[in-house]
Amino acid sequence: MNNTASPTLAQALAQAHTLGLQRIDAQLLLLHAVGRPDAGRAWLLAHDTDALDETTHTRFIALCQRRVAGEPVAYLTGRKEFYGLPLQVDARVLDPRPDTETLVDWALEVIAPLTSPRVVDLGTGSGAIALALQSQRADAQMLAVDASADALAVAQANAARLGLPVQFQQANWLMGVEGPFDAIVSNPPYIASADPHLAALTHEPLQALASGADGLEDIRAIVAQAPTHLRPGGWLLLEHGYDQADAVQELLAAQGFVRVQSRNDLADIARCTGGQWPTVK
């Protein structure tokens, strides 16, 4: 680094800004680089005049450059908080989005009156939804399903680290899964295979994102399989794309679900749609 003084934490964050990083991303990467991932952003403010050694500074700038190239922060740090749980994530699974907490909130509502509810999370990925539900309902019998052995390895490691007794099964949606359940929840792939947005998500597993020509292929499969796996009065809750609420409502209604409705995410977009399997047919 020539003979110039080592940059301070504040100067390193300023460098990240000139590279085009959002401040929150730069702060999380800097906390990771200095080995203080749990310290929080307030710690950075309190230490903004601390000097970075050359190795740490080089590592931080390299992380910033990878972020600018599109890698999710969660993959760069190996960490993502979801519903208050510190999850370990990598390129084998989707980076859990805050909007998915809407699905967790809704699931907790529908199982609230039940004792020891049976719940299955389809396409669990990192285990985020299943682990969040289990953390809030210790009595729930929680099953997490994924077709990917790699994803299940990530989810099982998270469950073990967090000490949460979620069960796991490798399966293609509900095929071979033993019901019945009080609730089926899923954040399945829902992006149309030709959607230009996929180009920006090249670092994440494609099979967890794209779902046929209209993005509804996997949702159709789950809606078709769900009735034989739900108890009467049980709920199917699905996360979907920003413009798919009407289509998913139609699929649920056509399958025979009642009380079909949608819930909005943090941006007030209809992000989750669900229905209840009738108690009397």
C-alpha atoms as a PDB file:
ATOM      1  CA  MET A   1       0.000   0.000   0.000  1.00  0.00           C
ATOM      2  CA  ASN A   2       2.885   2.312  -0.759  1.00  0.00           C
ATOM      3  CA  ASN A   3       3.863   4.371   2.235  1.00  0.00           C
ATOM      4  CA  THR A   4       0.443   5.863   2.843  1.00  0.00           C
ATOM      5  CA  ALA A   5      -1.236   5.281   6.175  1.00  0.00           C
ATOM      6  CA  SER A   6      -3.625   2.385   6.471  1.00  0.00           C
ATOM      7  CA  PRO A   7      -7.212   3.478   5.770  1.00  0.00           C
ATOM      8  CA  THR A   8      -9.625   3.867   8.663  1.00  0.00           C
ATOM      9  CA  LEU A   9     -12.914   1.984   8.777  1.00  0.00           C
ATOM     10  CA  ALA A  10     -14.691   5.189   7.733  1.00  0.00           C
ATOM     11  CA  GLN A  11     -12.348   5.607   4.765  1.00  0.00           C
ATOM     12  CA  ALA A  12     -12.865   1.982   3.729  1.00  0.00           C
ATOM     13  CA  LEU A  13     -16.640   2.521   3.739  1.00  0.00           C
ATOM     14  CA  ALA A  14     -16.155   5.632   1.620  1.00  0.00           C
ATOM     15  CA  GLN A  15     -14.118   3.558  -0.848  1.00  0.00           C
ATOM     16  CA  ALA A  16     -16.933   1.028  -1.031  1.00  0.00           C
ATOM     17  CA  HIS A  17     -19.352   3.853  -1.797  1.00  0.00           C
ATOM     18  CA  THR A  18     -17.193   5.009  -4.736  1.00  0.00           C
ATOM     19  CA  LEU A  19     -17.258   1.416  -6.039  1.00  0.00           C
ATOM     20  CA  GLY A  20     -21.047   1.655  -6.111  1.00  0.00           C
ATOM     21  CA  LEU A  21     -22.050  -0.327  -3.018  1.00  0.00           C
ATOM     22  CA  GLN A  22     -25.086   0.444  -0.905  1.00  0.00           C
ATOM     23  CA  ARG A  23     -24.059   1.537   2.589  1.00  0.00           C
ATOM     24  CA  ILE A  24     -25.747  -1.396   4.360  1.00  0.00           C
ATOM     25  CA  ASP A  25     -23.957  -3.883   2.083  1.00  0.00           C
ATOM     26  CA  ALA A  26     -20.599  -2.206   2.669  1.00  0.00           C
ATOM     27  CA  GLN A  27     -21.123  -2.203   6.443  1.00  0.00           C
ATOM     28  CA  LEU A  28     -22.001  -5.913   6.548  1.00  0.00           C
ATOM     29  CA  LEU A  29     -18.994  -6.790   4.386  1.00  0.00           C
ATOM     30  CA  LEU A  30     -16.673  -4.667   6.522  1.00  0.00           C
ATOM     31  CA  LEU A  31     -17.917  -6.297   9.747  1.00  0.00           C
ATOM     32  CA  HIS A  32     -17.245  -9.656   8.108  1.00  0.00           C
ATOM     33  CA  ALA A  33     -13.772  -8.620   6.914  1.00  0.00           C
ATOM     34  CA  VAL A  34     -12.686  -7.419  10.369  1.00  0.00           C
ATOM     35  CA  GLY A  35     -14.011 -10.600  12.005  1.00  0.00           C
ATOM     36  CA  ARG A  36     -16.798  -8.874  13.929  1.00  0.00           C
ATOM     37  CA  PRO A  37     -19.931 -10.126  12.126  1.00  0.00           C
ATOM     38  CA  ASP A  38     -22.085  -9.885  15.254  1.00  0.00           C
ATOM     39  CA  ALA A  39     -20.878  -6.472  16.385  1.00  0.00           C
ATOM     40  CA  GLY A  40     -23.501  -4.494  14.481  1.00  0.00           C
ATOM     41  CA  ARG A  41     -23.335  -1.242  12.598  1.00  0.00           C
ATOM     42  CA  ALA A  42     -23.163   0.814  15.783  1.00  0.00           C
ATOM     43  CA  TRP A  43     -19.772  -0.791  16.420  1.00  0.00           C
ATOM     44  CA  LEU A  44     -18.523   0.536  13.079  1.00  0.00           C
ATOM     45  CA  LEU A  45     -19.572   4.063  14.054  1.00  0.00           C
ATOM     46  CA  ALA A  46     -17.812   3.749  17.393  1.00  0.00           C
ATOM     47  CA  HIS A  47     -14.623   2.535  15.682  1.00  0.00           C
ATOM     48  CA  ASP A  48     -14.715   4.601  12.494  1.00  0.00           C
ATOM     49  CA  THR A  49     -11.199   5.990  13.100  1.00  0.00           C
ATOM     50  CA  ASP A  50      -9.657   2.530  13.673  1.00  0.00           C
ATOM     51  CA  ALA A  51      -7.069   1.626  11.030  1.00  0.00           C
ATOM     52  CA  LEU A  52      -7.457  -1.427   8.802  1.00  0.00           C
ATOM     53  CA  ASP A  53      -4.369  -3.554   8.258  1.00  0.00           C
ATOM     54  CA  GLU A  54      -3.383  -4.158   4.653  1.00  0.00           C
ATOM     55  CA  THR A  55      -4.574  -7.777   4.497  1.00  0.00           C
ATOM     56  CA  THR A  56      -8.008  -6.935   5.887  1.00  0.00           C
ATOM     57  CA  HIS A  57      -8.335  -3.923   3.610  1.00  0.00           C
ATOM     58  CA  THR A  58      -7.432  -6.016   0.558  1.00  0.00           C
ATOM     59  CA  ARG A  59      -9.967  -8.668   1.574  1.00  0.00           C
ATOM     60  CA  PHE A  60     -12.661  -6.033   2.090  1.00  0.00           C
ATOM     61  CA  ILE A  61     -12.122  -4.442  -1.328  1.00  0.00           C
ATOM     62  CA  ALA A  62     -12.202  -7.889  -2.968  1.00  0.00           C
ATOM     63  CA  LEU A  63     -15.537  -8.609  -1.269  1.00  0.00           C
ATOM     64  CA  CYS A  64     -16.862  -5.241  -2.441  1.00  0.00           C
ATOM     65  CA  GLN A  65     -15.864  -5.998  -6.027  1.00  0.00           C
ATOM     66  CA  ARG A  66     -17.630  -9.373  -5.901  1.00  0.00           C
ATOM     67  CA  ARG A  67     -20.741  -7.652  -4.520  1.00  0.00           C
ATOM     68  CA  VAL A  68     -20.662  -5.096  -7.343  1.00  0.00           C
ATOM     69  CA  ALA A  69     -20.487  -8.056  -9.760  1.00  0.00           C
ATOM     70  CA  GLY A  70     -23.775  -9.322  -8.332  1.00  0.00           C
ATOM     71  CA  GLU A  71     -22.930 -11.860  -5.619  1.00  0.00           C
ATOM     72  CA  PRO A  72     -25.409 -11.649  -2.719  1.00  0.00           C
ATOM     73  CA  VAL A  73     -23.974 -10.311   0.534  1.00  0.00           C
ATOM     74  CA  ALA A  74     -25.229 -13.445   2.279  1.00  0.00           C
ATOM     75  CA  TYR A  75     -23.028 -15.635   0.065  1.00  0.00           C
ATOM     76  CA  LEU A  76     -20.002 -13.415   0.632  1.00  0.00           C
ATOM     77  CA  THR A  77     -20.374 -13.514   4.418  1.00  0.00           C
ATOM     78  CA  GLY A  78     -21.986 -16.969   4.674  1.00  0.00           C
ATOM     79  CA  ARG A  79     -24.647 -15.455   6.940  1.00  0.00           C
ATOM     80  CA  LYS A  80     -28.189 -14.144   6.683  1.00  0.00           C
ATOM     81  CA  GLU A  81     -30.624 -13.226   9.420  1.00  0.00           C
ATOM     82  CA  PHE A  82     -34.194 -14.385   8.838  1.00  0.00           C
ATOM     83  CA  TYR A  83     -37.000 -13.961  11.357  1.00  0.00           C
ATOM     84  CA  GLY A  84     -34.373 -13.218  13.987  1.00  0.00           C
ATOM     85  CA  LEU A  85     -32.435 -16.429  13.281  1.00  0.00           C
ATOM     86  CA  PRO A  86     -28.788 -16.314  12.125  1.00  0.00           C
ATOM     87  CA  LEU A  87     -28.671 -18.686   9.152  1.00  0.00           C
ATOM     88  CA  GLN A  88     -25.648 -19.934   7.289  1.00  0.00           C
ATOM     89  CA  VAL A  89     -26.167 -19.744   3.525  1.00  0.00           C
ATOM     90  CA  ASP A  90     -24.125 -20.304   0.397  1.00  0.00           C
ATOM     91  CA  ALA A  91     -24.610 -20.743  -3.341  1.00  0.00           C
ATOM     92  CA  ARG A  92     -26.390 -24.106  -2.841  1.00  0.00           C
ATOM     93  CA  VAL A  93     -29.519 -22.282  -1.648  1.00  0.00           C
ATOM     94  CA  LEU A  94     -31.436 -19.094  -2.305  1.00  0.00           C
ATOM     95  CA  ASP A  95     -30.545 -16.032  -0.268  1.00  0.00           C
ATOM     96  CA  PRO A  96     -33.596 -15.742   2.064  1.00  0.00           C
ATOM     97  CA  ARG A  97     -35.548 -12.511   1.419  1.00  0.00           C
ATOM     98  CA  PRO A  98     -37.163 -10.403   4.140  1.00  0.00           C
ATOM     99  CA  ASP A  99     -40.445 -10.493   2.184  1.00  0.00           C
ATOM    100  CA  THR A 100     -40.710 -14.213   2.928  1.00  0.00           C
ATOM    101  CA  GLU A 101     -41.270 -13.332   6.603  1.00  0.00           C
ATOM    102  CA  THR A 102     -44.824 -12.423   5.446  1.00  0.00           C
ATOM    103  CA  LEU A 103     -45.376 -16.131   4.733  1.00  0.00           C
ATOM    104  CA  VAL A 104     -44.061 -17.092   8.180  1.00  0.00           C
ATOM    105  CA  ASP A 105     -46.366 -14.579   9.885  1.00  0.00           C
ATOM    106  CA  TRP A 106     -49.385 -15.966   8.045  1.00  0.00           C
ATOM    107  CA  ALA A 107     -48.481 -19.579   8.794  1.00  0.00           C
ATOM    108  CA  LEU A 108     -48.146 -18.760  12.497  1.00  0.00           C
ATOM    109  CA  GLU A 109     -51.649 -17.246  12.383  1.00  0.00           C
ATOM    110  CA  VAL A 110     -53.321 -20.298  10.843  1.00  0.00           C
ATOM    111  CA  ILE A 111     -51.690 -22.752  13.262  1.00  0.00           C
ATOM    112  CA  ALA A 112     -52.154 -20.499  16.321  1.00  0.00           C
ATOM    113  CA  PRO A 113     -55.314 -22.288  17.604  1.00  0.00           C
ATOM    114  CA  LEU A 114     -53.813 -25.766  17.168  1.00  0.00           C
ATOM    115  CA  THR A 115     -51.862 -27.966  19.579  1.00  0.00           C
ATOM    116  CA  SER A 116     -48.812 -29.723  18.073  1.00  0.00           C
ATOM    117  CA  PRO A 117     -49.715 -28.728  14.503  1.00  0.00           C
ATOM    118  CA  ARG A 118     -48.176 -30.710  11.645  1.00  0.00           C
ATOM    119  CA  VAL A 119     -46.580 -28.358   9.123  1.00  0.00           C
ATOM    120  CA  VAL A 120     -44.526 -29.008   5.993  1.00  0.00           C
ATOM    121  CA  ASP A 121     -42.279 -26.481   4.250  1.00  0.00           C
ATOM    122  CA  LEU A 122     -41.811 -27.398   0.576  1.00  0.00           C
ATOM    123  CA  GLY A 123     -38.600 -26.371  -1.179  1.00  0.00           C
ATOM    124  CA  THR A 124     -37.015 -25.431   2.128  1.00  0.00           C
ATOM    125  CA  GLY A 125     -33.645 -24.296   0.748  1.00  0.00           C
ATOM    126  CA  SER A 126     -31.640 -22.941   3.687  1.00  0.00           C
ATOM    127  CA  GLY A 127     -34.449 -24.060   6.010  1.00  0.00           C
ATOM    128  CA  ALA A 128     -35.446 -20.449   6.685  1.00  0.00           C
ATOM    129  CA  ILE A 129     -39.241 -20.882   6.793  1.00  0.00           C
ATOM    130  CA  ALA A 130     -39.268 -24.209   8.646  1.00  0.00           C
ATOM    131  CA  LEU A 131     -36.728 -23.037  11.208  1.00  0.00           C
ATOM    132  CA  ALA A 132     -38.547 -19.737  11.775  1.00  0.00           C
ATOM    133  CA  LEU A 133     -41.831 -21.581  12.384  1.00  0.00           C
ATOM    134  CA  GLN A 134     -40.180 -24.126  14.690  1.00  0.00           C
ATOM    135  CA  SER A 135     -38.478 -21.333  16.658  1.00  0.00           C
ATOM    136  CA  GLN A 136     -41.864 -19.715  17.306  1.00  0.00           C
ATOM    137  CA  ARG A 137     -43.834 -22.921  17.882  1.00  0.00           C
ATOM    138  CA  ALA A 138     -41.760 -25.422  19.825  1.00  0.00           C
ATOM    139  CA  ASP A 139     -44.703 -27.880  19.837  1.00  0.00           C
ATOM    140  CA  ALA A 140     -45.061 -27.935  16.031  1.00  0.00           C
ATOM    141  CA  GLN A 141     -44.195 -31.118  14.161  1.00  0.00           C
ATOM    142  CA  MET A 142     -42.196 -29.473  11.418  1.00  0.00           C
ATOM    143  CA  LEU A 143     -41.098 -31.234   8.222  1.00  0.00           C
ATOM    144  CA  ALA A 144     -38.838 -29.538   5.662  1.00  0.00           C
ATOM    145  CA  VAL A 145     -38.742 -30.965   2.133  1.00  0.00           C
ATOM    146  CA  ASP A 146     -36.414 -30.227  -0.775  1.00  0.00           C
ATOM    147  CA  ALA A 147     -35.561 -32.051  -3.989  1.00  0.00           C
ATOM    148  CA  SER A 148     -31.938 -30.903  -3.664  1.00  0.00           C
ATOM    149  CA  ALA A 149     -29.614 -32.920  -1.426  1.00  0.00           C
ATOM    150  CA  ASP A 150     -27.266 -29.905  -1.387  1.00  0.00           C
ATOM    151  CA  ALA A 151     -30.026 -27.629  -0.074  1.00  0.00           C
ATOM    152  CA  LEU A 152     -31.022 -30.165   2.582  1.00  0.00           C
ATOM    153  CA  ALA A 153     -27.412 -30.326   3.776  1.00  0.00           C
ATOM    154  CA  VAL A 154     -27.441 -26.551   4.320  1.00  0.00           C
ATOM    155  CA  ALA A 155     -30.838 -26.652   6.064  1.00  0.00           C
ATOM    156  CA  GLN A 156     -29.891 -29.578   8.316  1.00  0.00           C
ATOM    157  CA  ALA A 157     -26.683 -27.817   9.352  1.00  0.00           C
ATOM    158  CA  ASN A 158     -28.697 -24.712  10.250  1.00  0.00           C
ATOM    159  CA  ALA A 159     -31.176 -26.774  12.269  1.00  0.00           C
ATOM    160  CA  ALA A 160     -28.375 -28.523  14.163  1.00  0.00           C
ATOM    161  CA  ARG A 161     -26.573 -25.253  14.901  1.00  0.00           C
ATOM    162  CA  LEU A 162     -29.778 -23.603  16.120  1.00  0.00           C
ATOM    163  CA  GLY A 163     -30.895 -26.678  18.089  1.00  0.00           C
ATOM    164  CA  LEU A 164     -34.298 -26.800  16.367  1.00  0.00           C
ATOM    165  CA  PRO A 165     -35.899 -30.261  15.921  1.00  0.00           C
ATOM    166  CA  VAL A 166     -37.116 -29.867  12.327  1.00  0.00           C
ATOM    167  CA  GLN A 167     -37.366 -33.143  10.375  1.00  0.00           C
ATOM    168  CA  PHE A 168     -36.070 -33.325   6.786  1.00  0.00           C
ATOM    169  CA  GLN A 169     -37.006 -35.318   3.703  1.00  0.00           C
ATOM    170  CA  GLN A 170     -35.723 -35.321   0.138  1.00  0.00           C
ATOM    171  CA  ALA A 171     -38.716 -35.265  -2.206  1.00  0.00           C
ATOM    172  CA  ASN A 172     -40.145 -33.535  -5.251  1.00  0.00           C
ATOM    173  CA  TRP A 173     -42.794 -31.375  -3.568  1.00  0.00           C
ATOM    174  CA  LEU A 174     -45.280 -33.747  -1.860  1.00  0.00           C
ATOM    175  CA  MET A 175     -44.500 -36.907  -3.814  1.00  0.00           C
ATOM    176  CA  GLY A 176     -43.818 -39.643  -1.273  1.00  0.00           C
ATOM    177  CA  VAL A 177     -44.441 -37.318   1.682  1.00  0.00           C
ATOM    178  CA  GLU A 178     -46.723 -38.714   4.412  1.00  0.00           C
ATOM    179  CA  GLY A 179     -49.581 -36.413   5.418  1.00  0.00           C
ATOM    180  CA  PRO A 180     -51.915 -35.184   6.559  1.00  0.00           C
ATOM    181  CA  PHE A 181     -50.788 -31.686   7.537  1.00  0.00           C
ATOM    182  CA  ASP A 182     -52.489 -28.751   9.221  1.00  0.00           C
ATOM    183  CA  ALA A 183     -50.539 -26.367   6.980  1.00  0.00           C
ATOM    184  CA  ILE A 184     -48.454 -26.627   3.837  1.00  0.00           C
ATOM    185  CA  VAL A 185     -46.194 -23.636   3.214  1.00  0.00           C
ATOM    186  CA  SER A 186     -43.883 -23.002   0.290  1.00  0.00           C
ATOM    187  CA  ASN A 187     -41.749 -20.372  -1.365  1.00  0.00           C
ATOM    188  CA  PRO A 188     -41.353 -22.267  -4.650  1.00  0.00           C
ATOM    189  CA  PRO A 189     -39.667 -21.152  -7.873  1.00  0.00           C
ATOM    190  CA  TYR A 190     -42.003 -18.654  -9.571  1.00  0.00           C
ATOM    191  CA  ILE A 191     -40.029 -16.721 -12.179  1.00  0.00           C
ATOM    192  CA  ALA A 192     -40.851 -17.325 -15.846  1.00  0.00           C
ATOM    193  CA  SER A 193     -37.940 -19.067 -17.564  1.00  0.00           C
ATOM    194  CA  ALA A 194     -37.597 -16.242 -20.119  1.00  0.00           C
ATOM    195  CA  ASP A 195     -37.829 -13.443 -17.529  1.00  0.00           C
ATOM    196  CA  PRO A 196     -35.013 -10.907 -18.050  1.00  0.00           C
ATOM    197  CA  HIS A 197     -34.677 -10.533 -14.255  1.00  0.00           C
ATOM    198  CA  LEU A 198     -33.046 -13.978 -14.110  1.00  0.00           C
ATOM    199  CA  ALA A 199     -29.910 -12.503 -15.662  1.00  0.00           C
ATOM    200  CA  ALA A 200     -29.291 -10.536 -12.463  1.00  0.00           C
ATOM    201  CA  LEU A 201     -29.596 -13.682 -10.316  1.00  0.00           C
ATOM    202  CA  THR A 202     -26.818 -15.743 -11.892  1.00  0.00           C
ATOM    203  CA  HIS A 203     -25.151 -16.406  -8.522  1.00  0.00           C
ATOM    204  CA  GLU A 204     -28.225 -18.200  -7.131  1.00  0.00           C
ATOM    205  CA  PRO A 205     -29.396 -21.739  -8.034  1.00  0.00           C
ATOM    206  CA  LEU A 206     -31.547 -21.486 -11.181  1.00  0.00           C
ATOM    207  CA  GLN A 207     -33.690 -24.506 -10.247  1.00  0.00           C
ATOM    208  CA  ALA A 208     -34.839 -22.604  -7.156  1.00  0.00           C
ATOM    209  CA  LEU A 209     -35.927 -19.581  -9.217  1.00  0.00           C
ATOM    210  CA  ALA A 210     -37.402 -20.455 -12.616  1.00  0.00           C
ATOM    211  CA  SER A 211     -40.640 -22.386 -13.135  1.00  0.00           C
ATOM    212  CA  GLY A 212     -41.702 -22.885 -16.741  1.00  0.00           C
ATOM    213  CA  ALA A 213     -42.941 -20.453 -19.361  1.00  0.00           C
ATOM    214  CA  ASP A 214     -45.287 -18.518 -17.035  1.00  0.00           C
ATOM    215  CA  GLY A 215     -43.503 -19.088 -13.720  1.00  0.00           C
ATOM    216  CA  LEU A 216     -46.432 -21.095 -12.311  1.00  0.00           C
ATOM    217  CA  GLU A 217     -45.389 -24.658 -13.147  1.00  0.00           C
ATOM    218  CA  ASP A 218     -44.304 -25.577  -9.607  1.00  0.00           C
ATOM    219  CA  ILE A 219     -47.194 -23.737  -7.964  1.00  0.00           C
ATOM    220  CA  ARG A 220     -49.620 -25.734 -10.159  1.00  0.00           C
ATOM    221  CA  ALA A 221     -47.955 -28.982  -9.044  1.00  0.00           C
ATOM    222  CA  ILE A 222     -48.173 -28.056  -5.356  1.00  0.00           C
ATOM    223  CA  VAL A 223     -51.825 -26.927  -5.623  1.00  0.00           C
ATOM    224  CA  ALA A 224     -52.708 -30.220  -7.352  1.00  0.00           C
ATOM    225  CA  GLN A 225     -50.904 -32.377  -4.766  1.00  0.00           C
ATOM    226  CA  ALA A 226     -51.943 -30.471  -1.624  1.00  0.00           C
ATOM    227  CA  PRO A 227     -55.573 -31.626  -1.093  1.00  0.00           C
ATOM    228  CA  THR A 228     -54.632 -35.263  -0.419  1.00  0.00           C
ATOM    229  CA  HIS A 229     -52.003 -34.088   2.082  1.00  0.00           C
ATOM    230  CA  LEU A 230     -54.121 -31.608   4.072  1.00  0.00           C
ATOM    231  CA  ARG A 231     -56.425 -32.225   7.005  1.00  0.00           C
ATOM    232  CA  PRO A 232     -59.930 -30.790   6.556  1.00  0.00           C
ATOM    233  CA  GLY A 233     -59.577 -27.134   7.532  1.00  0.00           C
ATOM    234  CA  GLY A 234     -55.854 -27.162   6.750  1.00  0.00           C
ATOM    235  CA  TRP A 235     -54.201 -24.331   4.839  1.00  0.00           C
ATOM    236  CA  LEU A 236     -51.960 -24.101   1.776  1.00  0.00           C
ATOM    237  CA  LEU A 237     -49.882 -20.895   1.795  1.00  0.00           C
ATOM    238  CA  LEU A 238     -47.684 -19.942  -1.159  1.00  0.00           C
ATOM    239  CA  GLU A 239     -45.238 -17.154  -1.889  1.00  0.00           C
ATOM    240  CA  HIS A 240     -45.260 -16.012  -5.523  1.00  0.00           C
ATOM    241  CA  GLY A 241     -44.228 -13.245  -7.902  1.00  0.00           C
ATOM    242  CA  TYR A 242     -45.312  -9.623  -7.621  1.00  0.00           C
ATOM    243  CA  ASP A 243     -47.907 -10.019 -10.422  1.00  0.00           C
ATOM    244  CA  GLN A 244     -49.156 -13.578  -9.809  1.00  0.00           C
ATOM    245  CA  ALA A 245     -51.692 -13.183  -6.968  1.00  0.00           C
ATOM    246  CA  ASP A 246     -54.760 -13.322  -9.230  1.00  0.00           C
ATOM    247  CA  ALA A 247     -53.493 -16.362 -11.123  1.00  0.00           C
ATOM    248  CA  VAL A 248     -52.657 -18.245  -7.908  1.00  0.00           C
ATOM    249  CA  GLN A 249     -56.054 -17.360  -6.408  1.00  0.00           C
ATOM    250  CA  GLU A 250     -57.703 -18.823  -9.510  1.00  0.00           C
ATOM    251  CA  LEU A 251     -55.657 -22.030  -9.256  1.00  0.00           C
ATOM    252  CA  LEU A 252     -56.615 -22.497  -5.589  1.00  0.00           C
ATOM    253  CA  ALA A 253     -60.298 -21.792  -6.179  1.00  0.00           C
ATOM    254  CA  ALA A 254     -60.421 -24.165  -9.169  1.00  0.00           C
ATOM    255  CA  GLN A 255     -58.872 -26.908  -7.018  1.00  0.00           C
ATOM    256  CA  GLY A 256     -61.642 -26.494  -4.430  1.00  0.00           C
ATOM    257  CA  PHE A 257     -59.932 -24.354  -1.773  1.00  0.00           C
ATOM    258  CA  VAL A 258     -62.076 -21.881   0.190  1.00  0.00           C
ATOM    259  CA  ARG A 259     -61.304 -18.595   1.963  1.00  0.00           C
ATOM    260  CA  VAL A 260     -58.785 -17.902  -0.821  1.00  0.00           C
ATOM    261  CA  GLN A 261     -56.913 -14.650  -0.164  1.00  0.00           C
ATOM    262  CA  SER A 262     -53.577 -12.865  -0.564  1.00  0.00           C
ATOM    263  CA  ARG A 263     -51.224 -11.060   1.811  1.00  0.00           C
ATOM    264  CA  ASN A 264     -48.960  -8.116   1.062  1.00  0.00           C
ATOM    265  CA  ASP A 265     -45.216  -7.962   1.643  1.00  0.00           C
ATOM    266  CA  LEU A 266     -43.111  -5.144   3.115  1.00  0.00           C
ATOM    267  CA  ALA A 267     -43.499  -3.156  -0.122  1.00  0.00           C
ATOM    268  CA  ASP A 268     -47.305  -3.571   0.004  1.00  0.00           C
ATOM    269  CA  ILE A 269     -47.267  -5.973  -2.968  1.00  0.00           C
ATOM    270  CA  ALA A 270     -49.505  -9.069  -2.898  1.00  0.00           C
ATOM    271  CA  ARG A 271     -46.718 -11.606  -2.293  1.00  0.00           C
ATOM    272  CA  CYS A 272     -48.433 -14.623  -0.677  1.00  0.00           C
ATOM    273  CA  THR A 273     -51.677 -16.360  -1.564  1.00  0.00           C
ATOM    274  CA  GLY A 274     -53.396 -19.143   0.309  1.00  0.00           C
ATOM    275  CA  GLY A 275     -56.559 -21.074   0.816  1.00  0.00           C
ATOM    276  CA  GLN A 276     -58.180 -23.458   3.276  1.00  0.00           C
ATOM    277  CA  TRP A 277     -59.167 -27.018   2.410  1.00  0.00           C
ATOM    278  CA  PRO A 278     -62.877 -27.285   3.253  1.00  0.00           C
ATOM    279  CA  THR A 279     -63.964 -29.242   6.303  1.00  0.00           C
ATOM    280  CA  VAL A 280     -66.964 -30.620   4.377  1.00  0.00           C
ATOM    281  CA  LYS A 281     -66.870 -31.306   0.673  1.00  0.00           C
END
